[in-house]
N, C-alpha and C. Protein backbone atom coordinates (compact mmCIF):
# COMPACT_ATOMS: atom_id res chain seq x y z
N UNK A 1 -26.48 -28.40 41.09
CA UNK A 1 -25.99 -27.77 39.91
C UNK A 1 -26.64 -26.45 39.65
N UNK A 2 -27.97 -26.41 39.97
CA UNK A 2 -28.72 -25.16 39.74
C UNK A 2 -28.19 -24.07 40.68
N UNK A 3 -27.81 -24.47 41.91
CA UNK A 3 -27.29 -23.47 42.87
C UNK A 3 -26.00 -22.88 42.41
N UNK A 4 -25.09 -23.66 41.81
CA UNK A 4 -23.85 -23.23 41.36
C UNK A 4 -24.04 -22.28 40.20
N UNK A 5 -24.91 -22.63 39.29
CA UNK A 5 -25.20 -21.73 38.15
C UNK A 5 -25.82 -20.43 38.61
N UNK A 6 -26.70 -20.52 39.61
CA UNK A 6 -27.37 -19.36 40.14
C UNK A 6 -26.33 -18.40 40.77
N UNK A 7 -25.36 -18.89 41.54
CA UNK A 7 -24.39 -18.04 42.17
C UNK A 7 -23.41 -17.48 41.13
N UNK A 8 -23.08 -18.27 40.12
CA UNK A 8 -22.18 -17.80 39.09
C UNK A 8 -22.87 -16.63 38.37
N UNK A 9 -24.15 -16.72 38.05
CA UNK A 9 -24.92 -15.69 37.40
C UNK A 9 -24.94 -14.45 38.25
N UNK A 10 -25.21 -14.59 39.55
CA UNK A 10 -25.24 -13.47 40.52
C UNK A 10 -23.89 -12.73 40.55
N UNK A 11 -22.83 -13.57 40.61
CA UNK A 11 -21.45 -12.99 40.69
C UNK A 11 -21.09 -12.22 39.39
N UNK A 12 -21.48 -12.79 38.25
CA UNK A 12 -21.23 -12.13 37.01
C UNK A 12 -22.00 -10.81 36.90
N UNK A 13 -23.19 -10.83 37.33
CA UNK A 13 -24.03 -9.63 37.30
C UNK A 13 -23.43 -8.57 38.25
N UNK A 14 -22.97 -8.98 39.43
CA UNK A 14 -22.37 -8.04 40.39
C UNK A 14 -21.13 -7.38 39.79
N UNK A 15 -20.33 -8.13 39.15
CA UNK A 15 -19.08 -7.64 38.55
C UNK A 15 -19.45 -6.65 37.42
N UNK A 16 -20.47 -6.99 36.66
CA UNK A 16 -20.91 -6.11 35.58
C UNK A 16 -21.48 -4.86 36.03
N UNK A 17 -22.26 -4.92 37.12
CA UNK A 17 -22.87 -3.68 37.66
C UNK A 17 -21.87 -2.75 38.34
N UNK A 18 -20.90 -3.31 39.02
CA UNK A 18 -19.95 -2.45 39.74
C UNK A 18 -18.84 -1.97 38.87
N UNK A 19 -18.67 -2.56 37.72
CA UNK A 19 -17.58 -2.11 36.88
C UNK A 19 -16.24 -2.74 37.21
N UNK A 20 -16.29 -3.70 38.11
CA UNK A 20 -15.02 -4.35 38.49
C UNK A 20 -14.45 -5.15 37.29
N UNK A 21 -13.19 -5.27 37.26
CA UNK A 21 -12.58 -6.10 36.20
C UNK A 21 -11.35 -6.83 36.76
N UNK A 22 -10.74 -7.60 35.88
CA UNK A 22 -9.62 -8.41 36.29
C UNK A 22 -8.27 -7.67 36.01
N UNK A 23 -8.31 -6.39 35.71
CA UNK A 23 -7.09 -5.71 35.38
C UNK A 23 -6.25 -5.39 36.64
N UNK A 24 -5.00 -5.12 36.39
CA UNK A 24 -4.09 -4.81 37.50
C UNK A 24 -3.80 -3.34 37.52
N UNK A 25 -3.10 -2.91 38.56
CA UNK A 25 -2.73 -1.50 38.69
C UNK A 25 -1.85 -1.07 37.53
N UNK A 26 -1.07 -2.00 36.95
CA UNK A 26 -0.22 -1.64 35.81
C UNK A 26 -0.94 -1.19 34.61
N UNK A 27 -2.23 -1.59 34.51
CA UNK A 27 -3.07 -1.18 33.36
C UNK A 27 -3.82 0.06 33.58
N UNK A 28 -3.71 0.68 34.73
CA UNK A 28 -4.50 1.87 35.03
C UNK A 28 -3.98 3.03 34.17
N UNK A 29 -4.85 4.03 33.93
CA UNK A 29 -4.39 5.20 33.13
C UNK A 29 -3.23 5.91 33.73
N UNK A 30 -3.13 5.99 35.04
CA UNK A 30 -2.02 6.67 35.71
C UNK A 30 -0.70 5.96 35.38
N UNK A 31 -0.74 4.67 35.27
CA UNK A 31 0.46 3.91 35.03
C UNK A 31 0.90 3.97 33.56
N UNK A 32 0.02 4.36 32.68
CA UNK A 32 0.28 4.38 31.24
C UNK A 32 0.59 5.78 30.74
N UNK A 33 1.15 6.60 31.54
CA UNK A 33 1.45 7.92 31.05
C UNK A 33 2.70 7.87 30.18
N UNK A 34 3.00 8.94 29.50
CA UNK A 34 4.05 8.96 28.52
C UNK A 34 5.43 8.73 29.11
N UNK A 35 5.60 9.15 30.40
CA UNK A 35 6.92 9.05 31.04
C UNK A 35 7.19 7.63 31.51
N UNK A 36 6.18 6.90 31.85
CA UNK A 36 6.37 5.54 32.39
C UNK A 36 6.69 4.54 31.32
N UNK A 37 6.10 4.69 30.13
CA UNK A 37 6.26 3.69 29.07
C UNK A 37 6.60 4.40 27.76
N UNK A 38 7.68 5.19 27.66
CA UNK A 38 7.99 5.81 26.42
C UNK A 38 8.21 4.92 25.19
N UNK A 39 8.84 3.73 25.35
CA UNK A 39 9.00 2.88 24.17
C UNK A 39 7.66 2.37 23.60
N UNK A 40 6.70 2.09 24.47
CA UNK A 40 5.41 1.64 24.06
C UNK A 40 4.70 2.70 23.23
N UNK A 41 4.68 3.93 23.77
CA UNK A 41 4.02 5.04 23.10
C UNK A 41 4.76 5.39 21.84
N UNK A 42 6.05 5.35 21.82
CA UNK A 42 6.84 5.69 20.68
C UNK A 42 6.52 4.78 19.52
N UNK A 43 6.28 3.54 19.87
CA UNK A 43 5.98 2.54 18.82
C UNK A 43 4.64 2.73 18.19
N UNK A 44 3.70 3.38 18.92
CA UNK A 44 2.32 3.54 18.40
C UNK A 44 2.24 4.90 17.65
N UNK A 45 3.14 5.83 17.92
CA UNK A 45 3.03 7.13 17.21
C UNK A 45 3.61 6.94 15.83
N UNK A 46 2.82 7.46 14.82
CA UNK A 46 3.26 7.29 13.44
C UNK A 46 4.20 8.38 13.08
N UNK A 47 5.26 8.00 12.42
CA UNK A 47 6.23 8.98 11.89
C UNK A 47 6.42 8.70 10.40
N UNK A 48 6.67 9.67 9.67
CA UNK A 48 6.89 9.52 8.25
C UNK A 48 8.32 10.02 7.94
N UNK A 49 9.09 9.24 7.33
CA UNK A 49 10.45 9.71 6.98
C UNK A 49 10.46 10.18 5.58
N UNK A 50 11.31 11.10 5.31
CA UNK A 50 11.45 11.66 3.99
C UNK A 50 12.81 11.20 3.52
N UNK A 51 12.81 10.56 2.33
CA UNK A 51 14.07 10.02 1.80
C UNK A 51 14.64 10.98 0.77
N UNK A 52 15.94 10.93 0.66
CA UNK A 52 16.62 11.64 -0.39
C UNK A 52 16.71 10.73 -1.59
N UNK A 53 16.27 11.23 -2.74
CA UNK A 53 16.19 10.40 -3.90
C UNK A 53 16.84 11.12 -5.10
N UNK A 54 17.33 10.34 -6.00
CA UNK A 54 17.77 10.94 -7.26
C UNK A 54 16.82 10.37 -8.29
N UNK A 55 16.19 11.24 -9.01
CA UNK A 55 15.21 10.81 -10.01
C UNK A 55 15.25 11.77 -11.19
N UNK A 56 14.59 11.39 -12.21
CA UNK A 56 14.55 12.24 -13.45
C UNK A 56 13.15 12.78 -13.58
N UNK A 57 13.08 14.04 -13.76
CA UNK A 57 11.74 14.68 -13.96
C UNK A 57 11.23 14.15 -15.33
N UNK A 58 10.06 13.61 -15.35
CA UNK A 58 9.48 12.99 -16.54
C UNK A 58 9.49 14.00 -17.71
N UNK A 59 10.10 13.51 -18.81
CA UNK A 59 10.10 14.33 -20.05
C UNK A 59 11.23 15.33 -20.12
N UNK A 60 12.00 15.58 -19.05
CA UNK A 60 13.05 16.59 -19.12
C UNK A 60 14.44 16.04 -19.24
N UNK A 61 14.66 14.82 -18.73
CA UNK A 61 15.96 14.20 -18.79
C UNK A 61 16.93 14.78 -17.73
N UNK A 62 16.43 15.73 -16.90
CA UNK A 62 17.27 16.38 -15.89
C UNK A 62 17.13 15.57 -14.59
N UNK A 63 18.30 15.20 -14.03
CA UNK A 63 18.32 14.50 -12.72
C UNK A 63 18.22 15.48 -11.60
N UNK A 64 17.36 15.19 -10.64
CA UNK A 64 17.12 16.04 -9.48
C UNK A 64 17.25 15.25 -8.22
N UNK A 65 17.92 15.72 -7.22
CA UNK A 65 17.98 15.06 -5.96
C UNK A 65 17.40 15.91 -4.87
N UNK A 66 16.83 15.32 -3.86
CA UNK A 66 16.30 16.04 -2.75
C UNK A 66 15.22 15.26 -2.02
N UNK A 67 14.64 15.83 -0.97
CA UNK A 67 13.66 15.13 -0.22
C UNK A 67 12.40 14.92 -1.06
N UNK A 68 11.85 13.67 -1.04
CA UNK A 68 10.74 13.30 -1.80
C UNK A 68 9.74 12.59 -0.92
N UNK A 69 8.46 13.02 -0.97
CA UNK A 69 7.39 12.25 -0.32
C UNK A 69 6.61 11.64 -1.46
N UNK A 70 6.28 10.38 -1.36
CA UNK A 70 5.56 9.67 -2.40
C UNK A 70 4.11 9.49 -2.06
N UNK A 71 3.21 10.32 -2.63
CA UNK A 71 1.79 10.22 -2.37
C UNK A 71 1.20 9.02 -3.14
N UNK A 72 1.92 8.40 -4.08
CA UNK A 72 1.44 7.28 -4.84
C UNK A 72 0.09 7.60 -5.53
N UNK A 73 0.00 8.73 -6.17
CA UNK A 73 -1.21 9.06 -6.83
C UNK A 73 -1.31 8.58 -8.26
N UNK A 74 -0.15 8.47 -8.97
CA UNK A 74 -0.20 8.01 -10.34
C UNK A 74 1.02 7.19 -10.66
N UNK A 75 0.80 6.14 -11.45
CA UNK A 75 1.87 5.31 -12.05
C UNK A 75 1.71 5.33 -13.51
N UNK A 76 2.77 5.68 -14.22
CA UNK A 76 2.75 5.84 -15.67
C UNK A 76 1.59 6.69 -16.12
N UNK A 77 1.28 7.68 -15.33
CA UNK A 77 0.23 8.66 -15.66
C UNK A 77 -1.19 8.26 -15.26
N UNK A 78 -1.34 7.06 -14.72
CA UNK A 78 -2.65 6.53 -14.39
C UNK A 78 -2.88 6.43 -12.87
N UNK A 79 -4.09 6.78 -12.44
CA UNK A 79 -4.46 6.66 -11.05
C UNK A 79 -5.49 5.56 -10.89
N UNK A 80 -5.53 4.96 -9.74
CA UNK A 80 -6.54 3.93 -9.45
C UNK A 80 -7.93 4.50 -9.31
N UNK A 81 -8.04 5.79 -9.36
CA UNK A 81 -9.33 6.45 -9.27
C UNK A 81 -9.85 6.87 -10.69
N UNK A 82 -9.06 6.59 -11.71
CA UNK A 82 -9.49 6.93 -13.08
C UNK A 82 -10.55 6.00 -13.60
N UNK A 83 -11.32 6.56 -14.53
CA UNK A 83 -12.36 5.71 -15.22
C UNK A 83 -11.92 5.45 -16.63
N UNK A 84 -12.74 4.77 -17.42
CA UNK A 84 -12.36 4.39 -18.74
C UNK A 84 -12.16 5.60 -19.66
N UNK A 85 -13.04 6.63 -19.50
CA UNK A 85 -12.89 7.83 -20.31
C UNK A 85 -11.56 8.52 -20.04
N UNK A 86 -11.22 8.63 -18.77
CA UNK A 86 -9.93 9.27 -18.40
C UNK A 86 -8.76 8.46 -18.91
N UNK A 87 -8.85 7.16 -18.84
CA UNK A 87 -7.82 6.29 -19.33
C UNK A 87 -7.58 6.50 -20.81
N UNK A 88 -8.65 6.59 -21.60
CA UNK A 88 -8.50 6.87 -23.08
C UNK A 88 -7.92 8.24 -23.31
N UNK A 89 -8.26 9.21 -22.48
CA UNK A 89 -7.70 10.57 -22.62
C UNK A 89 -6.21 10.58 -22.31
N UNK A 90 -5.79 9.81 -21.32
CA UNK A 90 -4.36 9.78 -20.88
C UNK A 90 -3.49 8.93 -21.74
N UNK A 91 -3.97 7.71 -22.13
CA UNK A 91 -3.12 6.75 -22.80
C UNK A 91 -3.53 6.44 -24.25
N UNK A 92 -4.75 6.85 -24.59
CA UNK A 92 -5.21 6.53 -25.96
C UNK A 92 -5.74 5.06 -26.03
N UNK A 93 -5.87 4.64 -27.29
CA UNK A 93 -6.39 3.31 -27.53
C UNK A 93 -5.27 2.28 -27.19
N UNK A 94 -5.66 1.20 -26.49
CA UNK A 94 -4.61 0.19 -26.10
C UNK A 94 -4.17 -0.64 -27.32
N UNK A 95 -2.97 -1.22 -27.18
CA UNK A 95 -2.44 -2.10 -28.23
C UNK A 95 -3.33 -3.34 -28.29
N UNK A 96 -3.78 -3.77 -27.16
CA UNK A 96 -4.63 -5.02 -27.12
C UNK A 96 -5.55 -4.91 -25.97
N UNK A 97 -6.61 -5.64 -26.00
CA UNK A 97 -7.56 -5.75 -24.94
C UNK A 97 -7.82 -7.22 -24.60
N UNK A 98 -7.64 -7.59 -23.37
CA UNK A 98 -7.86 -8.98 -22.96
C UNK A 98 -9.14 -9.03 -22.09
N UNK A 99 -9.97 -10.00 -22.42
CA UNK A 99 -11.23 -10.18 -21.66
C UNK A 99 -11.22 -11.57 -21.00
N UNK A 100 -11.74 -11.61 -19.79
CA UNK A 100 -11.85 -12.87 -19.08
C UNK A 100 -13.26 -13.44 -19.31
N UNK A 101 -13.30 -14.67 -19.82
CA UNK A 101 -14.65 -15.23 -20.10
C UNK A 101 -15.47 -15.50 -18.85
N UNK A 102 -14.78 -15.70 -17.71
CA UNK A 102 -15.55 -15.96 -16.45
C UNK A 102 -16.01 -14.69 -15.78
N UNK A 103 -15.23 -13.61 -15.94
CA UNK A 103 -15.56 -12.37 -15.26
C UNK A 103 -15.78 -11.31 -16.33
N UNK A 104 -17.02 -11.18 -16.77
CA UNK A 104 -17.35 -10.33 -17.92
C UNK A 104 -17.09 -8.85 -17.67
N UNK A 105 -17.18 -8.41 -16.44
CA UNK A 105 -16.97 -6.97 -16.12
C UNK A 105 -15.49 -6.62 -15.97
N UNK A 106 -14.58 -7.63 -16.07
CA UNK A 106 -13.17 -7.36 -15.94
C UNK A 106 -12.49 -7.46 -17.31
N UNK A 107 -11.56 -6.59 -17.52
CA UNK A 107 -10.76 -6.61 -18.77
C UNK A 107 -9.39 -5.98 -18.50
N UNK A 108 -8.46 -6.26 -19.36
CA UNK A 108 -7.13 -5.71 -19.23
C UNK A 108 -6.73 -4.97 -20.51
N UNK A 109 -6.28 -3.75 -20.41
CA UNK A 109 -5.84 -3.00 -21.53
C UNK A 109 -4.27 -3.11 -21.53
N UNK A 110 -3.73 -3.44 -22.70
CA UNK A 110 -2.29 -3.62 -22.81
C UNK A 110 -1.73 -2.42 -23.58
N UNK A 111 -0.76 -1.75 -22.91
CA UNK A 111 -0.04 -0.62 -23.51
C UNK A 111 1.41 -0.95 -23.62
N UNK A 112 2.23 -0.19 -24.35
CA UNK A 112 3.67 -0.45 -24.45
C UNK A 112 4.35 -0.48 -23.12
N UNK A 113 3.97 0.43 -22.18
CA UNK A 113 4.67 0.59 -20.91
C UNK A 113 3.98 -0.04 -19.71
N UNK A 114 2.73 -0.60 -19.93
CA UNK A 114 2.05 -1.17 -18.72
C UNK A 114 0.76 -1.88 -19.20
N UNK A 115 0.21 -2.60 -18.22
CA UNK A 115 -1.08 -3.22 -18.41
C UNK A 115 -2.03 -2.65 -17.37
N UNK A 116 -3.23 -2.29 -17.77
CA UNK A 116 -4.18 -1.63 -16.89
C UNK A 116 -5.40 -2.56 -16.71
N UNK A 117 -5.68 -3.00 -15.50
CA UNK A 117 -6.84 -3.80 -15.18
C UNK A 117 -8.06 -2.93 -14.87
N UNK A 118 -9.14 -3.30 -15.50
CA UNK A 118 -10.38 -2.54 -15.29
C UNK A 118 -11.46 -3.44 -14.80
N UNK A 119 -12.28 -2.90 -13.96
CA UNK A 119 -13.50 -3.59 -13.54
C UNK A 119 -14.66 -2.60 -13.69
N UNK A 120 -15.64 -2.98 -14.44
CA UNK A 120 -16.81 -2.14 -14.64
C UNK A 120 -16.42 -0.68 -15.07
N UNK A 121 -15.44 -0.65 -15.98
CA UNK A 121 -14.94 0.61 -16.57
C UNK A 121 -14.21 1.53 -15.61
N UNK A 122 -13.70 0.99 -14.48
CA UNK A 122 -12.87 1.74 -13.58
C UNK A 122 -11.54 1.05 -13.36
N UNK A 123 -10.48 1.82 -13.32
CA UNK A 123 -9.09 1.26 -13.15
C UNK A 123 -9.04 0.57 -11.78
N UNK A 124 -8.53 -0.66 -11.78
CA UNK A 124 -8.34 -1.48 -10.58
C UNK A 124 -6.84 -1.55 -10.23
N UNK A 125 -6.02 -1.68 -11.28
CA UNK A 125 -4.60 -1.79 -11.05
C UNK A 125 -3.81 -1.39 -12.29
N UNK A 126 -2.51 -1.09 -12.08
CA UNK A 126 -1.61 -0.83 -13.18
C UNK A 126 -0.42 -1.74 -12.92
N UNK A 127 -0.05 -2.54 -13.90
CA UNK A 127 1.12 -3.47 -13.75
C UNK A 127 2.15 -3.02 -14.79
N UNK A 128 3.39 -2.72 -14.27
CA UNK A 128 4.48 -2.39 -15.13
C UNK A 128 5.52 -3.50 -15.12
N UNK A 129 5.74 -4.15 -16.23
CA UNK A 129 6.70 -5.25 -16.30
C UNK A 129 8.11 -4.66 -16.28
N UNK A 130 9.02 -5.51 -15.86
CA UNK A 130 10.45 -5.08 -15.81
C UNK A 130 11.00 -4.70 -17.20
N UNK A 131 10.40 -5.37 -18.27
CA UNK A 131 10.81 -5.13 -19.64
C UNK A 131 10.53 -3.71 -20.07
N UNK A 132 9.65 -2.96 -19.39
CA UNK A 132 9.39 -1.57 -19.73
C UNK A 132 10.62 -0.68 -19.60
N UNK A 133 11.54 -1.08 -18.74
CA UNK A 133 12.79 -0.33 -18.55
C UNK A 133 12.70 0.78 -17.54
N UNK A 134 11.59 1.52 -17.60
CA UNK A 134 11.37 2.67 -16.65
C UNK A 134 9.91 2.64 -16.14
N UNK A 135 9.75 3.31 -15.06
CA UNK A 135 8.43 3.52 -14.51
C UNK A 135 8.29 4.94 -14.07
N UNK A 136 7.10 5.52 -14.23
CA UNK A 136 6.89 6.92 -13.82
C UNK A 136 5.95 6.85 -12.58
N UNK A 137 6.46 7.33 -11.43
CA UNK A 137 5.70 7.34 -10.20
C UNK A 137 5.50 8.76 -9.81
N UNK A 138 4.28 9.23 -9.74
CA UNK A 138 3.96 10.63 -9.35
C UNK A 138 4.78 11.63 -10.15
N UNK A 139 4.88 11.35 -11.47
CA UNK A 139 5.54 12.28 -12.40
C UNK A 139 7.03 12.13 -12.36
N UNK A 140 7.66 11.24 -11.66
CA UNK A 140 9.10 11.03 -11.58
C UNK A 140 9.44 9.71 -12.34
N UNK A 141 10.35 9.84 -13.28
CA UNK A 141 10.75 8.71 -14.07
C UNK A 141 11.86 7.95 -13.41
N UNK A 142 11.73 6.64 -13.15
CA UNK A 142 12.71 5.81 -12.43
C UNK A 142 13.03 4.59 -13.24
N UNK A 143 14.30 4.10 -13.01
CA UNK A 143 14.70 2.86 -13.65
C UNK A 143 14.00 1.68 -13.01
N UNK A 144 13.71 0.68 -13.75
CA UNK A 144 13.04 -0.56 -13.29
C UNK A 144 14.13 -1.49 -12.74
N UNK A 145 14.77 -1.15 -11.70
CA UNK A 145 15.72 -1.95 -10.99
C UNK A 145 15.35 -2.00 -9.51
N UNK A 146 15.42 -3.14 -8.88
CA UNK A 146 14.99 -3.32 -7.51
C UNK A 146 15.77 -2.37 -6.57
N UNK A 147 17.10 -2.30 -6.77
CA UNK A 147 17.91 -1.45 -5.86
C UNK A 147 17.56 0.02 -5.99
N UNK A 148 17.39 0.42 -7.27
CA UNK A 148 17.07 1.86 -7.54
C UNK A 148 15.76 2.23 -6.92
N UNK A 149 14.75 1.36 -7.13
CA UNK A 149 13.43 1.68 -6.60
C UNK A 149 13.42 1.62 -5.04
N UNK A 150 14.11 0.67 -4.44
CA UNK A 150 14.22 0.58 -2.96
C UNK A 150 14.86 1.85 -2.38
N UNK A 151 15.97 2.29 -3.02
CA UNK A 151 16.68 3.46 -2.55
C UNK A 151 15.86 4.70 -2.69
N UNK A 152 15.11 4.80 -3.80
CA UNK A 152 14.30 5.98 -4.03
C UNK A 152 13.05 6.05 -3.21
N UNK A 153 12.34 4.85 -3.07
CA UNK A 153 11.12 4.85 -2.34
C UNK A 153 11.30 4.79 -0.82
N UNK A 154 12.45 4.31 -0.39
CA UNK A 154 12.75 4.25 1.05
C UNK A 154 12.32 2.99 1.72
N UNK A 155 12.08 3.04 2.98
CA UNK A 155 11.66 1.86 3.80
C UNK A 155 10.25 1.43 3.38
N UNK A 156 10.10 0.15 3.06
CA UNK A 156 8.76 -0.33 2.66
C UNK A 156 7.84 -0.47 3.87
N UNK A 157 6.56 -0.36 3.68
CA UNK A 157 5.56 -0.55 4.71
C UNK A 157 5.35 -2.00 5.05
N UNK A 158 5.64 -2.85 4.10
CA UNK A 158 5.44 -4.30 4.36
C UNK A 158 6.38 -5.12 3.46
N UNK A 159 6.88 -6.21 3.98
CA UNK A 159 7.73 -7.07 3.19
C UNK A 159 7.14 -8.50 3.23
N UNK A 160 7.07 -9.11 2.04
CA UNK A 160 6.58 -10.46 1.92
C UNK A 160 7.57 -11.34 1.23
N UNK A 161 7.20 -12.60 1.03
CA UNK A 161 8.02 -13.55 0.35
C UNK A 161 8.26 -13.21 -1.11
N UNK A 162 7.23 -12.56 -1.71
CA UNK A 162 7.31 -12.27 -3.19
C UNK A 162 7.61 -10.87 -3.51
N UNK A 163 7.82 -10.00 -2.42
CA UNK A 163 8.08 -8.58 -2.77
C UNK A 163 7.88 -7.68 -1.58
N UNK A 164 7.96 -6.39 -1.90
CA UNK A 164 7.83 -5.36 -0.85
C UNK A 164 6.72 -4.36 -1.26
N UNK A 165 6.06 -3.80 -0.23
CA UNK A 165 4.90 -2.93 -0.51
C UNK A 165 5.11 -1.57 0.13
N UNK A 166 4.78 -0.53 -0.65
CA UNK A 166 4.74 0.81 -0.17
C UNK A 166 3.28 1.24 -0.21
N UNK A 167 2.81 1.83 0.91
CA UNK A 167 1.39 2.15 1.02
C UNK A 167 1.21 3.64 1.38
N UNK A 168 0.22 4.29 0.80
CA UNK A 168 -0.10 5.64 1.13
C UNK A 168 -1.57 5.78 1.12
N UNK A 169 -2.22 5.87 2.25
CA UNK A 169 -3.68 5.93 2.31
C UNK A 169 -4.24 4.63 1.76
N UNK A 170 -5.07 4.71 0.75
CA UNK A 170 -5.69 3.50 0.21
C UNK A 170 -5.03 3.09 -1.12
N UNK A 171 -3.83 3.60 -1.36
CA UNK A 171 -3.12 3.20 -2.59
C UNK A 171 -1.85 2.47 -2.17
N UNK A 172 -1.52 1.48 -3.00
CA UNK A 172 -0.33 0.67 -2.68
C UNK A 172 0.47 0.49 -3.95
N UNK A 173 1.79 0.28 -3.75
CA UNK A 173 2.74 -0.01 -4.83
C UNK A 173 3.52 -1.25 -4.38
N UNK A 174 3.46 -2.33 -5.15
CA UNK A 174 4.14 -3.54 -4.75
C UNK A 174 5.23 -3.86 -5.78
N UNK A 175 6.44 -4.07 -5.32
CA UNK A 175 7.52 -4.45 -6.17
C UNK A 175 7.65 -6.00 -6.00
N UNK A 176 7.31 -6.72 -7.12
CA UNK A 176 7.42 -8.16 -7.12
C UNK A 176 8.84 -8.53 -7.37
N UNK A 177 9.45 -9.30 -6.52
CA UNK A 177 10.89 -9.67 -6.62
C UNK A 177 11.02 -11.22 -6.74
N UNK A 178 12.02 -11.64 -7.57
CA UNK A 178 12.34 -13.06 -7.62
C UNK A 178 12.86 -13.48 -6.26
N UNK A 179 12.25 -14.54 -5.68
CA UNK A 179 12.60 -14.93 -4.33
C UNK A 179 13.99 -15.51 -4.23
N UNK A 180 14.61 -15.96 -5.32
CA UNK A 180 15.96 -16.47 -5.24
C UNK A 180 17.03 -15.42 -5.54
N UNK A 181 16.77 -14.61 -6.53
CA UNK A 181 17.80 -13.61 -6.94
C UNK A 181 17.53 -12.24 -6.42
N UNK A 182 16.31 -11.93 -6.02
CA UNK A 182 15.98 -10.57 -5.54
C UNK A 182 15.79 -9.56 -6.69
N UNK A 183 15.88 -10.04 -7.93
CA UNK A 183 15.67 -9.15 -9.09
C UNK A 183 14.19 -8.78 -9.21
N UNK A 184 14.01 -7.59 -9.72
CA UNK A 184 12.64 -7.10 -9.96
C UNK A 184 11.96 -7.83 -11.09
N UNK A 185 10.71 -8.25 -10.90
CA UNK A 185 9.94 -8.88 -11.89
C UNK A 185 8.89 -7.92 -12.51
N UNK A 186 8.21 -7.20 -11.62
CA UNK A 186 7.20 -6.22 -12.06
C UNK A 186 6.81 -5.35 -10.87
N UNK A 187 6.13 -4.26 -11.20
CA UNK A 187 5.62 -3.34 -10.17
C UNK A 187 4.12 -3.24 -10.40
N UNK A 188 3.38 -3.45 -9.33
CA UNK A 188 1.90 -3.33 -9.40
C UNK A 188 1.45 -2.16 -8.52
N UNK A 189 0.55 -1.38 -9.08
CA UNK A 189 -0.01 -0.21 -8.36
C UNK A 189 -1.53 -0.53 -8.27
N UNK A 190 -2.08 -0.46 -7.06
CA UNK A 190 -3.46 -0.84 -6.88
C UNK A 190 -4.12 -0.13 -5.69
N UNK A 191 -5.39 -0.25 -5.61
CA UNK A 191 -6.23 0.31 -4.54
C UNK A 191 -6.37 -0.71 -3.46
N UNK A 192 -6.07 -0.35 -2.21
CA UNK A 192 -6.24 -1.28 -1.13
C UNK A 192 -7.64 -1.14 -0.52
N UNK A 193 -8.03 -2.14 0.25
CA UNK A 193 -9.33 -2.14 0.85
C UNK A 193 -9.35 -1.33 2.16
N UNK A 194 -8.24 -1.37 2.87
CA UNK A 194 -8.18 -0.69 4.21
C UNK A 194 -7.09 0.31 4.25
N UNK A 195 -7.21 1.27 5.16
CA UNK A 195 -6.15 2.26 5.34
C UNK A 195 -4.97 1.72 6.08
């Protein structure tokens, strides 16, 4: 048994020192050029589509159509990079404040058009219920209807059982949908952990 282990160790060391591997010629760099495998490379190259949207410029009532890129920087005027001071400057005093007895650093500010989750005085999320009627995304006022938001925002980055997600950098916008009817329940804007 010691001899077998000894030869296995010598063989493994020889492979490691020579750089030999178990790969085939198909995995070689020459075989993976752009002309040999265009579908594979096309799938890895990122492309961003620009959608044509009809939206209302916030506060003007004027409908505008044209190409729109959604940086997802603000929802209802609030960014996930805002702090408590900025939130008070933008939205004023909340209608109500909800505190969690288990998580003392977390609280939720309730406004007429949204709920803002805070952790340690920094915005963590903005939740807009369907009852708000409209949502403002990056300064554009939109109806709170699933079809309208899908058409305006374009192809989602991710689809789940409970909704669809649009992501831009470390910011995400999730449309929560009723799993049976497909109707919009709420929209959540939050900071993601990864790019």
